[in-house]
């Protein structure tokens, strides 16, 4: 596990476009938190970056899936 750098992790989270990648990053952040390597502030900052991106990707996927169902 790499050393936690909040700015670098936030940049990484913003660049990831696949839900699986974002979940993997979130899991890594949670492991840092569980081991006491980062505090609540860092966890909350990462959550503020990751979760809105996951939500937006989920909405996009739902819209795409819905468009295929209505086209069929």
N, C-alpha and C. Protein backbone atom coordinates (compact mmCIF):
# COMPACT_ATOMS: atom_id res chain seq x y z
N UNK A 1 0.85 -1.18 0.00
CA UNK A 1 0.00 0.00 0.00
C UNK A 1 0.90 1.24 0.00
N UNK A 2 0.60 2.17 -0.89
CA UNK A 2 1.45 3.36 -0.97
C UNK A 2 1.12 4.36 0.14
N UNK A 3 2.06 5.23 0.42
CA UNK A 3 1.89 6.26 1.43
C UNK A 3 0.75 7.18 1.02
N UNK A 4 -0.05 7.59 1.99
CA UNK A 4 -1.22 8.41 1.70
C UNK A 4 -0.83 9.87 1.57
N UNK A 5 -1.13 10.44 0.41
CA UNK A 5 -0.96 11.86 0.13
C UNK A 5 -2.33 12.34 -0.34
N UNK A 6 -3.01 13.12 0.49
CA UNK A 6 -4.39 13.52 0.21
C UNK A 6 -4.56 14.13 -1.17
N UNK A 7 -3.71 15.06 -1.53
CA UNK A 7 -3.82 15.74 -2.83
C UNK A 7 -3.67 14.73 -3.98
N UNK A 8 -2.70 13.84 -3.86
CA UNK A 8 -2.47 12.83 -4.90
C UNK A 8 -3.65 11.86 -5.01
N UNK A 9 -4.16 11.44 -3.88
CA UNK A 9 -5.31 10.53 -3.89
C UNK A 9 -6.55 11.22 -4.46
N UNK A 10 -6.75 12.48 -4.14
CA UNK A 10 -7.89 13.21 -4.70
C UNK A 10 -7.75 13.33 -6.21
N UNK A 11 -6.56 13.63 -6.67
CA UNK A 11 -6.30 13.72 -8.11
C UNK A 11 -6.58 12.37 -8.78
N UNK A 12 -6.13 11.32 -8.14
CA UNK A 12 -6.34 9.97 -8.66
C UNK A 12 -7.84 9.66 -8.73
N UNK A 13 -8.57 10.01 -7.69
CA UNK A 13 -10.02 9.76 -7.66
C UNK A 13 -10.74 10.50 -8.77
N UNK A 14 -10.32 11.73 -9.04
CA UNK A 14 -10.97 12.52 -10.09
C UNK A 14 -10.67 11.98 -11.49
N UNK A 15 -9.56 11.29 -11.64
CA UNK A 15 -9.18 10.79 -12.96
C UNK A 15 -9.79 9.42 -13.27
N UNK A 16 -10.23 8.72 -12.26
CA UNK A 16 -10.79 7.37 -12.49
C UNK A 16 -12.23 7.48 -12.98
N UNK A 17 -12.53 6.71 -14.01
CA UNK A 17 -13.85 6.79 -14.64
C UNK A 17 -14.64 5.49 -14.55
N UNK A 18 -14.07 4.47 -13.95
CA UNK A 18 -14.76 3.19 -13.82
C UNK A 18 -15.17 2.99 -12.35
N UNK A 19 -16.43 2.60 -12.12
CA UNK A 19 -16.86 2.38 -10.74
C UNK A 19 -15.97 1.39 -9.99
N UNK A 20 -15.55 0.34 -10.67
CA UNK A 20 -14.69 -0.67 -10.02
C UNK A 20 -13.40 -0.02 -9.53
N UNK A 21 -12.83 0.89 -10.31
CA UNK A 21 -11.59 1.57 -9.92
C UNK A 21 -11.83 2.49 -8.73
N UNK A 22 -12.97 3.19 -8.74
CA UNK A 22 -13.28 4.08 -7.62
C UNK A 22 -13.53 3.29 -6.34
N UNK A 23 -14.22 2.15 -6.45
CA UNK A 23 -14.43 1.31 -5.27
C UNK A 23 -13.10 0.78 -4.74
N UNK A 24 -12.20 0.41 -5.64
CA UNK A 24 -10.89 -0.08 -5.21
C UNK A 24 -10.12 1.02 -4.49
N UNK A 25 -10.20 2.24 -5.01
CA UNK A 25 -9.53 3.36 -4.35
C UNK A 25 -10.15 3.63 -2.98
N UNK A 26 -11.48 3.57 -2.91
CA UNK A 26 -12.17 3.79 -1.64
C UNK A 26 -11.76 2.72 -0.63
N UNK A 27 -11.63 1.48 -1.07
CA UNK A 27 -11.20 0.40 -0.21
C UNK A 27 -9.80 0.67 0.33
N UNK A 28 -8.94 1.16 -0.53
CA UNK A 28 -7.57 1.48 -0.10
C UNK A 28 -7.57 2.60 0.94
N UNK A 29 -8.39 3.63 0.71
CA UNK A 29 -8.50 4.73 1.67
C UNK A 29 -9.02 4.20 3.01
N UNK A 30 -10.03 3.34 2.96
CA UNK A 30 -10.59 2.77 4.19
C UNK A 30 -9.55 1.93 4.94
N UNK A 31 -8.71 1.22 4.21
CA UNK A 31 -7.65 0.45 4.85
C UNK A 31 -6.67 1.38 5.57
N UNK A 32 -6.33 2.49 4.94
CA UNK A 32 -5.46 3.48 5.60
C UNK A 32 -6.11 3.97 6.89
N UNK A 33 -7.41 4.25 6.81
CA UNK A 33 -8.14 4.75 7.98
C UNK A 33 -8.21 3.68 9.07
N UNK A 34 -8.56 2.47 8.70
CA UNK A 34 -8.67 1.38 9.68
C UNK A 34 -7.35 1.11 10.39
N UNK A 35 -6.25 1.30 9.71
CA UNK A 35 -4.93 1.07 10.30
C UNK A 35 -4.40 2.27 11.08
N UNK A 36 -5.20 3.36 11.08
CA UNK A 36 -4.80 4.55 11.81
C UNK A 36 -3.76 5.39 11.10
N UNK A 37 -3.60 5.16 9.79
CA UNK A 37 -2.59 5.90 9.03
C UNK A 37 -3.10 7.27 8.58
N UNK A 38 -4.43 7.41 8.55
CA UNK A 38 -5.04 8.71 8.23
C UNK A 38 -6.15 8.96 9.23
N UNK A 39 -6.53 10.22 9.35
CA UNK A 39 -7.58 10.59 10.29
C UNK A 39 -8.94 10.79 9.61
N UNK A 40 -9.88 11.22 10.42
CA UNK A 40 -11.25 11.43 9.94
C UNK A 40 -11.30 12.50 8.84
N UNK A 41 -10.50 13.54 8.98
CA UNK A 41 -10.49 14.60 7.97
C UNK A 41 -10.14 14.06 6.59
N UNK A 42 -9.06 13.28 6.48
CA UNK A 42 -8.65 12.71 5.20
C UNK A 42 -9.72 11.78 4.65
N UNK A 43 -10.31 10.97 5.52
CA UNK A 43 -11.38 10.07 5.10
C UNK A 43 -12.57 10.86 4.54
N UNK A 44 -12.97 11.91 5.24
CA UNK A 44 -14.10 12.73 4.79
C UNK A 44 -13.79 13.45 3.48
N UNK A 45 -12.56 13.93 3.34
CA UNK A 45 -12.18 14.61 2.10
C UNK A 45 -12.22 13.64 0.91
N UNK A 46 -11.76 12.43 1.12
CA UNK A 46 -11.80 11.44 0.03
C UNK A 46 -13.23 11.02 -0.27
N UNK A 47 -14.03 10.89 0.75
CA UNK A 47 -15.44 10.55 0.53
C UNK A 47 -16.12 11.64 -0.30
N UNK A 48 -15.79 12.89 -0.03
CA UNK A 48 -16.38 14.01 -0.76
C UNK A 48 -16.00 13.99 -2.24
N UNK A 49 -14.88 13.38 -2.58
CA UNK A 49 -14.46 13.28 -3.98
C UNK A 49 -15.00 12.01 -4.64
N UNK A 50 -14.91 10.90 -3.94
CA UNK A 50 -15.24 9.61 -4.55
C UNK A 50 -16.74 9.40 -4.69
N UNK A 51 -17.51 9.63 -3.65
CA UNK A 51 -18.92 9.27 -3.69
C UNK A 51 -19.73 10.06 -4.72
N UNK A 52 -19.52 11.36 -4.91
CA UNK A 52 -20.26 12.04 -5.99
C UNK A 52 -19.93 11.47 -7.38
N UNK A 53 -18.67 11.10 -7.59
CA UNK A 53 -18.29 10.50 -8.87
C UNK A 53 -18.97 9.16 -9.06
N UNK A 54 -19.02 8.35 -8.02
CA UNK A 54 -19.71 7.07 -8.11
C UNK A 54 -21.20 7.27 -8.40
N UNK A 55 -21.79 8.24 -7.74
CA UNK A 55 -23.21 8.53 -7.97
C UNK A 55 -23.46 8.97 -9.41
N UNK A 56 -22.62 9.85 -9.92
CA UNK A 56 -22.77 10.33 -11.30
C UNK A 56 -22.62 9.18 -12.29
N UNK A 57 -21.64 8.30 -12.06
CA UNK A 57 -21.46 7.15 -12.94
C UNK A 57 -22.66 6.21 -12.86
N UNK A 58 -23.23 6.06 -11.69
CA UNK A 58 -24.40 5.21 -11.52
C UNK A 58 -25.60 5.77 -12.27
N UNK A 59 -25.80 7.07 -12.17
CA UNK A 59 -26.91 7.72 -12.89
C UNK A 59 -26.71 7.58 -14.40
N UNK A 60 -25.50 7.76 -14.86
CA UNK A 60 -25.20 7.62 -16.29
C UNK A 60 -25.47 6.19 -16.76
N UNK A 61 -25.01 5.21 -15.99
CA UNK A 61 -25.24 3.81 -16.36
C UNK A 61 -26.73 3.50 -16.41
N UNK A 62 -27.49 3.99 -15.44
CA UNK A 62 -28.93 3.77 -15.41
C UNK A 62 -29.59 4.38 -16.64
N UNK A 63 -29.18 5.59 -17.01
CA UNK A 63 -29.74 6.25 -18.19
C UNK A 63 -29.42 5.48 -19.47
N UNK A 64 -28.22 5.00 -19.57
CA UNK A 64 -27.82 4.22 -20.75
C UNK A 64 -28.60 2.92 -20.81
N UNK A 65 -28.69 2.22 -19.68
CA UNK A 65 -29.46 0.98 -19.64
C UNK A 65 -30.91 1.22 -20.00
N UNK A 66 -31.48 2.31 -19.49
CA UNK A 66 -32.88 2.64 -19.78
C UNK A 66 -33.08 2.95 -21.27
N UNK A 67 -32.10 3.63 -21.87
CA UNK A 67 -32.24 3.96 -23.30
C UNK A 67 -32.20 2.71 -24.17
N UNK A 68 -31.43 1.71 -23.75
CA UNK A 68 -31.41 0.45 -24.52
C UNK A 68 -32.72 -0.32 -24.36
N UNK A 69 -33.31 -0.25 -23.18
CA UNK A 69 -34.59 -0.95 -22.96
C UNK A 69 -35.72 -0.30 -23.74
N UNK A 70 -35.74 1.04 -23.81
CA UNK A 70 -36.81 1.71 -24.55
C UNK A 70 -36.63 1.60 -26.05
N UNK A 71 -35.38 1.42 -26.50
CA UNK A 71 -35.11 1.29 -27.93
C UNK A 71 -35.46 -0.11 -28.44
N UNK A 72 -35.49 -1.07 -27.54
CA UNK A 72 -35.73 -2.47 -27.95
C UNK A 72 -37.19 -2.76 -28.18
